[in-house]
Amino acid sequence: MTPPHPQTIKIIPDRPALQVTSLFDFCDAAGSLPPTVIVSVLPNDDDAALLADSLGARHAPIDIHQSLQSPDISALKVSILSLIAFSQSLSRKDRVLFYGNTGHSNSSGALLVVDIAWSRYNVRPLDEDAISSAVTRLKQANPNALPSLLLLSLADRMFGLNGKLVSARMSWRSSQPSH
C-alpha cells in the first residue's frame, strides 16, 4: 500500500478534501484520486486550466497573487470574497487542488481561507478549535507552507476572528525548524 502524498490533506468524512501543491509536486503524486476542482492562484494560469481540462476537473481561477501585489487592499478583499463564495460552491465529495508556483504561500493561504469559510458555513461557528483544526490539517499536509500573513490578517478581520487566525499563523512560523 502506498502512503498518501505528503501534501494531501487526508479526506475527513463529510468535508471536501483540500490539497495544496505546485505542478511539479502534483505530477509526482501517484495513486491519489484526481481533483474535481483546481484552484489556480496565479494570473492567466494556462497550466492549471490545461491540467483541469485533462483531468475532467472544474477550473476555478482566483487571482490571489495579483491582489497581494496591488497597493490597493480592496483588490485583496475581492479575492477573499471570491474564496468565500468558492467555498460555498463545494460539495462534501469535492477534491480540491490549490495550485501555485510552490504551494507554500499564496495557495496555502487560499486553502486556509476556503477551509475556514467552509467550516463557518457548513459545520459550526468559528472558534479556536475550528481555526486550530484548519491550521493543523494544512501543517500536516505541507509542513513547509507558510501562508501569506497579509492574506490571513485581512481574512481574519473579514471573518471577525479578533486575531485568532493571525495568531495561529504566527505560532506556526515559530514552531517551524530553522534552516
C-alpha atoms as a PDB file:
ATOM      1  CA  MET A   1       0.000   0.000   0.000  1.00  0.00           C
ATOM      2  CA  THR A   2       1.388   3.392  -1.000  1.00  0.00           C
ATOM      3  CA  PRO A   3       1.426   6.059   1.728  1.00  0.00           C
ATOM      4  CA  PRO A   4      -0.616   9.183   0.955  1.00  0.00           C
ATOM      5  CA  HIS A   5       1.149  12.031  -0.809  1.00  0.00           C
ATOM      6  CA  PRO A   6       2.658  14.215   1.934  1.00  0.00           C
ATOM      7  CA  GLN A   7       0.920  17.341   0.669  1.00  0.00           C
ATOM      8  CA  THR A   8      -2.575  15.873   0.570  1.00  0.00           C
ATOM      9  CA  ILE A   9      -4.926  16.759   3.363  1.00  0.00           C
ATOM     10  CA  LYS A  10      -6.410  13.480   4.471  1.00  0.00           C
ATOM     11  CA  ILE A  11     -10.033  13.017   3.497  1.00  0.00           C
ATOM     12  CA  ILE A  12     -12.188  13.711   6.518  1.00  0.00           C
ATOM     13  CA  PRO A  13     -15.736  12.339   6.450  1.00  0.00           C
ATOM     14  CA  ASP A  14     -18.304  14.956   5.460  1.00  0.00           C
ATOM     15  CA  ARG A  15     -15.716  17.517   4.310  1.00  0.00           C
ATOM     16  CA  PRO A  16     -14.227  18.380   0.938  1.00  0.00           C
ATOM     17  CA  ALA A  17     -10.648  17.121   0.586  1.00  0.00           C
ATOM     18  CA  LEU A  18      -8.250  20.030   0.107  1.00  0.00           C
ATOM     19  CA  GLN A  19      -4.722  19.797  -1.298  1.00  0.00           C
ATOM     20  CA  VAL A  20      -2.074  22.439  -1.906  1.00  0.00           C
ATOM     21  CA  THR A  21       0.816  21.842  -4.257  1.00  0.00           C
ATOM     22  CA  SER A  22       2.924  23.010  -7.122  1.00  0.00           C
ATOM     23  CA  LEU A  23       2.513  21.403 -10.547  1.00  0.00           C
ATOM     24  CA  PHE A  24       5.844  19.598 -10.093  1.00  0.00           C
ATOM     25  CA  ASP A  25       4.722  18.030  -6.800  1.00  0.00           C
ATOM     26  CA  PHE A  26       1.309  17.175  -8.225  1.00  0.00           C
ATOM     27  CA  CYS A  27       2.857  15.297 -11.137  1.00  0.00           C
ATOM     28  CA  ASP A  28       4.970  13.327  -8.656  1.00  0.00           C
ATOM     29  CA  ALA A  29       1.913  12.248  -6.640  1.00  0.00           C
ATOM     30  CA  ALA A  30       0.898   8.782  -7.724  1.00  0.00           C
ATOM     31  CA  GLY A  31      -2.099   6.758  -6.728  1.00  0.00           C
ATOM     32  CA  SER A  32      -4.266   9.527  -5.309  1.00  0.00           C
ATOM     33  CA  LEU A  33      -7.721  10.367  -6.563  1.00  0.00           C
ATOM     34  CA  PRO A  34      -7.655  13.193  -9.103  1.00  0.00           C
ATOM     35  CA  PRO A  35      -9.071  16.527  -8.044  1.00  0.00           C
ATOM     36  CA  THR A  36     -12.600  17.509  -9.018  1.00  0.00           C
ATOM     37  CA  VAL A  37     -11.715  21.212  -8.819  1.00  0.00           C
ATOM     38  CA  ILE A  38      -8.412  23.012  -9.437  1.00  0.00           C
ATOM     39  CA  VAL A  39      -7.984  26.481  -7.952  1.00  0.00           C
ATOM     40  CA  SER A  40      -5.191  28.486  -9.533  1.00  0.00           C
ATOM     41  CA  VAL A  41      -3.973  31.484  -7.547  1.00  0.00           C
ATOM     42  CA  LEU A  42      -1.814  32.925 -10.325  1.00  0.00           C
ATOM     43  CA  PRO A  43      -2.987  35.289 -13.072  1.00  0.00           C
ATOM     44  CA  ASN A  44      -3.671  33.769 -16.512  1.00  0.00           C
ATOM     45  CA  ASP A  45      -2.614  30.301 -15.392  1.00  0.00           C
ATOM     46  CA  ASP A  46      -2.885  28.251 -18.575  1.00  0.00           C
ATOM     47  CA  ASP A  47      -1.094  25.274 -16.987  1.00  0.00           C
ATOM     48  CA  ALA A  48      -3.781  24.918 -14.313  1.00  0.00           C
ATOM     49  CA  ALA A  49      -6.545  25.286 -16.906  1.00  0.00           C
ATOM     50  CA  LEU A  50      -4.950  22.588 -19.091  1.00  0.00           C
ATOM     51  CA  LEU A  51      -4.448  20.303 -16.091  1.00  0.00           C
ATOM     52  CA  ALA A  52      -8.095  20.745 -15.065  1.00  0.00           C
ATOM     53  CA  ASP A  53      -9.250  20.032 -18.603  1.00  0.00           C
ATOM     54  CA  SER A  54      -7.086  16.912 -18.902  1.00  0.00           C
ATOM     55  CA  LEU A  55      -8.439  15.558 -15.589  1.00  0.00           C
ATOM     56  CA  GLY A  56     -12.052  16.478 -16.284  1.00  0.00           C
ATOM     57  CA  ALA A  57     -11.969  18.837 -13.301  1.00  0.00           C
ATOM     58  CA  ARG A  58     -13.538  22.259 -12.905  1.00  0.00           C
ATOM     59  CA  HIS A  59     -11.023  25.141 -13.096  1.00  0.00           C
ATOM     60  CA  ALA A  60     -11.538  27.961 -10.597  1.00  0.00           C
ATOM     61  CA  PRO A  61      -9.080  30.811 -11.199  1.00  0.00           C
ATOM     62  CA  ILE A  62      -8.895  33.119  -8.170  1.00  0.00           C
ATOM     63  CA  ASP A  63      -6.009  35.527  -8.603  1.00  0.00           C
ATOM     64  CA  ILE A  64      -4.533  35.912  -5.133  1.00  0.00           C
ATOM     65  CA  HIS A  65      -1.055  36.669  -6.481  1.00  0.00           C
ATOM     66  CA  GLN A  66      -2.010  39.899  -8.301  1.00  0.00           C
ATOM     67  CA  SER A  67      -4.178  41.172  -5.449  1.00  0.00           C
ATOM     68  CA  LEU A  68      -1.322  40.650  -2.956  1.00  0.00           C
ATOM     69  CA  GLN A  69       0.941  42.707  -5.244  1.00  0.00           C
ATOM     70  CA  SER A  70      -1.571  45.544  -5.515  1.00  0.00           C
ATOM     71  CA  PRO A  71      -1.164  48.602  -3.270  1.00  0.00           C
ATOM     72  CA  ASP A  72      -4.986  48.755  -3.125  1.00  0.00           C
ATOM     73  CA  ILE A  73      -6.221  46.489  -0.311  1.00  0.00           C
ATOM     74  CA  SER A  74      -9.691  46.348  -1.869  1.00  0.00           C
ATOM     75  CA  ALA A  75      -8.326  44.002  -4.582  1.00  0.00           C
ATOM     76  CA  LEU A  76      -7.346  41.525  -1.868  1.00  0.00           C
ATOM     77  CA  LYS A  77     -10.769  41.864  -0.227  1.00  0.00           C
ATOM     78  CA  VAL A  78     -12.376  40.946  -3.552  1.00  0.00           C
ATOM     79  CA  SER A  79     -10.107  37.876  -3.791  1.00  0.00           C
ATOM     80  CA  ILE A  80     -11.034  36.792  -0.267  1.00  0.00           C
ATOM     81  CA  LEU A  81     -14.733  37.256  -1.048  1.00  0.00           C
ATOM     82  CA  SER A  82     -14.167  35.108  -4.152  1.00  0.00           C
ATOM     83  CA  LEU A  83     -12.578  32.391  -1.989  1.00  0.00           C
ATOM     84  CA  ILE A  84     -15.523  32.529   0.432  1.00  0.00           C
ATOM     85  CA  ALA A  85     -18.022  32.271  -2.439  1.00  0.00           C
ATOM     86  CA  PHE A  86     -15.978  29.410  -3.879  1.00  0.00           C
ATOM     87  CA  SER A  87     -16.094  27.564  -0.527  1.00  0.00           C
ATOM     88  CA  GLN A  88     -19.879  27.732  -0.619  1.00  0.00           C
ATOM     89  CA  SER A  89     -19.902  26.023  -4.042  1.00  0.00           C
ATOM     90  CA  LEU A  90     -18.068  22.941  -2.748  1.00  0.00           C
ATOM     91  CA  SER A  91     -19.768  19.671  -2.008  1.00  0.00           C
ATOM     92  CA  ARG A  92     -18.586  17.258   0.634  1.00  0.00           C
ATOM     93  CA  LYS A  93     -17.326  14.955  -2.132  1.00  0.00           C
ATOM     94  CA  ASP A  94     -15.127  17.523  -3.880  1.00  0.00           C
ATOM     95  CA  ARG A  95     -11.372  17.070  -4.022  1.00  0.00           C
ATOM     96  CA  VAL A  96      -9.788  20.474  -4.457  1.00  0.00           C
ATOM     97  CA  LEU A  97      -6.248  21.185  -5.608  1.00  0.00           C
ATOM     98  CA  PHE A  98      -4.874  24.661  -4.818  1.00  0.00           C
ATOM     99  CA  TYR A  99      -2.233  25.250  -7.433  1.00  0.00           C
ATOM    100  CA  GLY A 100       0.510  27.868  -7.276  1.00  0.00           C
ATOM    101  CA  ASN A 101       4.194  28.313  -8.005  1.00  0.00           C
ATOM    102  CA  THR A 102       5.431  26.448  -4.965  1.00  0.00           C
ATOM    103  CA  GLY A 103       2.391  25.604  -2.869  1.00  0.00           C
ATOM    104  CA  HIS A 104       3.852  27.451   0.089  1.00  0.00           C
ATOM    105  CA  SER A 105       2.404  30.962   0.408  1.00  0.00           C
ATOM    106  CA  ASN A 106      -0.468  32.200  -1.738  1.00  0.00           C
ATOM    107  CA  SER A 107      -2.021  28.812  -2.438  1.00  0.00           C
ATOM    108  CA  SER A 108      -1.719  27.644   1.176  1.00  0.00           C
ATOM    109  CA  GLY A 109      -3.231  30.926   2.390  1.00  0.00           C
ATOM    110  CA  ALA A 110      -6.092  30.494  -0.081  1.00  0.00           C
ATOM    111  CA  LEU A 111      -6.602  26.923   1.132  1.00  0.00           C
ATOM    112  CA  LEU A 112      -6.868  28.084   4.756  1.00  0.00           C
ATOM    113  CA  VAL A 113      -9.406  30.787   3.864  1.00  0.00           C
ATOM    114  CA  VAL A 114     -11.537  28.245   1.966  1.00  0.00           C
ATOM    115  CA  ASP A 115     -11.248  25.626   4.731  1.00  0.00           C
ATOM    116  CA  ILE A 116     -12.265  28.130   7.413  1.00  0.00           C
ATOM    117  CA  ALA A 117     -15.066  29.591   5.279  1.00  0.00           C
ATOM    118  CA  TRP A 118     -16.368  26.101   4.531  1.00  0.00           C
ATOM    119  CA  SER A 119     -16.340  25.266   8.245  1.00  0.00           C
ATOM    120  CA  ARG A 120     -18.081  28.530   9.097  1.00  0.00           C
ATOM    121  CA  TYR A 121     -20.946  27.991   6.698  1.00  0.00           C
ATOM    122  CA  ASN A 122     -21.303  24.200   6.873  1.00  0.00           C
ATOM    123  CA  VAL A 123     -20.149  22.888  10.223  1.00  0.00           C
ATOM    124  CA  ARG A 124     -20.326  25.251  13.173  1.00  0.00           C
ATOM    125  CA  PRO A 125     -19.480  28.777  14.225  1.00  0.00           C
ATOM    126  CA  LEU A 126     -15.793  29.535  14.060  1.00  0.00           C
ATOM    127  CA  ASP A 127     -13.955  29.156  17.317  1.00  0.00           C
ATOM    128  CA  GLU A 128     -10.353  28.493  18.226  1.00  0.00           C
ATOM    129  CA  ASP A 129     -10.854  24.731  17.747  1.00  0.00           C
ATOM    130  CA  ALA A 130     -12.105  25.192  14.171  1.00  0.00           C
ATOM    131  CA  ILE A 131      -9.197  27.506  13.343  1.00  0.00           C
ATOM    132  CA  SER A 132      -6.694  25.214  15.035  1.00  0.00           C
ATOM    133  CA  SER A 133      -8.102  22.215  13.128  1.00  0.00           C
ATOM    134  CA  ALA A 134      -7.766  24.018   9.782  1.00  0.00           C
ATOM    135  CA  VAL A 135      -4.193  25.060  10.564  1.00  0.00           C
ATOM    136  CA  THR A 136      -3.309  21.550  11.754  1.00  0.00           C
ATOM    137  CA  ARG A 137      -4.680  19.989   8.565  1.00  0.00           C
ATOM    138  CA  LEU A 138      -2.560  22.323   6.452  1.00  0.00           C
ATOM    139  CA  LYS A 139       0.557  21.786   8.606  1.00  0.00           C
ATOM    140  CA  GLN A 140       0.204  18.016   8.272  1.00  0.00           C
ATOM    141  CA  ALA A 141      -0.329  18.289   4.542  1.00  0.00           C
ATOM    142  CA  ASN A 142       2.510  20.691   3.848  1.00  0.00           C
ATOM    143  CA  PRO A 143       4.901  21.392   6.745  1.00  0.00           C
ATOM    144  CA  ASN A 144       6.840  23.836   4.534  1.00  0.00           C
ATOM    145  CA  ALA A 145       3.825  26.005   3.757  1.00  0.00           C
ATOM    146  CA  LEU A 146       3.856  29.488   5.207  1.00  0.00           C
ATOM    147  CA  PRO A 147       0.543  31.140   4.301  1.00  0.00           C
ATOM    148  CA  SER A 148       0.616  34.797   3.374  1.00  0.00           C
ATOM    149  CA  LEU A 149       0.294  36.873   6.540  1.00  0.00           C
ATOM    150  CA  LEU A 150      -1.336  39.763   4.652  1.00  0.00           C
ATOM    151  CA  LEU A 151      -3.980  37.441   3.190  1.00  0.00           C
ATOM    152  CA  LEU A 152      -4.710  35.806   6.548  1.00  0.00           C
ATOM    153  CA  SER A 153      -4.766  39.058   8.520  1.00  0.00           C
ATOM    154  CA  LEU A 154      -7.353  40.562   6.180  1.00  0.00           C
ATOM    155  CA  ALA A 155      -9.391  37.314   6.185  1.00  0.00           C
ATOM    156  CA  ASP A 156      -9.170  37.309   9.992  1.00  0.00           C
ATOM    157  CA  ARG A 157     -10.729  40.793  10.055  1.00  0.00           C
ATOM    158  CA  MET A 158     -13.377  39.894   7.475  1.00  0.00           C
ATOM    159  CA  PHE A 159     -14.407  36.786   9.454  1.00  0.00           C
ATOM    160  CA  GLY A 160     -14.390  38.766  12.731  1.00  0.00           C
ATOM    161  CA  LEU A 161     -11.887  36.397  14.329  1.00  0.00           C
ATOM    162  CA  ASN A 162     -10.193  39.026  16.515  1.00  0.00           C
ATOM    163  CA  GLY A 163      -6.663  37.968  15.594  1.00  0.00           C
ATOM    164  CA  LYS A 164      -7.123  34.195  16.106  1.00  0.00           C
ATOM    165  CA  LEU A 165      -6.153  33.293  12.541  1.00  0.00           C
ATOM    166  CA  VAL A 166      -3.132  35.613  12.614  1.00  0.00           C
ATOM    167  CA  SER A 167      -2.091  34.171  15.967  1.00  0.00           C
ATOM    168  CA  ALA A 168      -2.334  30.626  14.599  1.00  0.00           C
ATOM    169  CA  ARG A 169      -0.226  31.648  11.588  1.00  0.00           C
ATOM    170  CA  MET A 170       2.383  33.338  13.782  1.00  0.00           C
ATOM    171  CA  SER A 171       2.653  30.322  16.102  1.00  0.00           C
ATOM    172  CA  TRP A 172       3.119  28.119  13.047  1.00  0.00           C
ATOM    173  CA  ARG A 173       6.142  30.130  11.991  1.00  0.00           C
ATOM    174  CA  SER A 174       7.703  29.926  15.450  1.00  0.00           C
ATOM    175  CA  SER A 175       7.205  26.143  15.531  1.00  0.00           C
ATOM    176  CA  GLN A 176       8.993  25.565  12.206  1.00  0.00           C
ATOM    177  CA  PRO A 177      12.590  24.362  12.419  1.00  0.00           C
ATOM    178  CA  SER A 178      15.124  26.935  11.345  1.00  0.00           C
ATOM    179  CA  HIS A 179      17.417  26.086   8.432  1.00  0.00           C
END
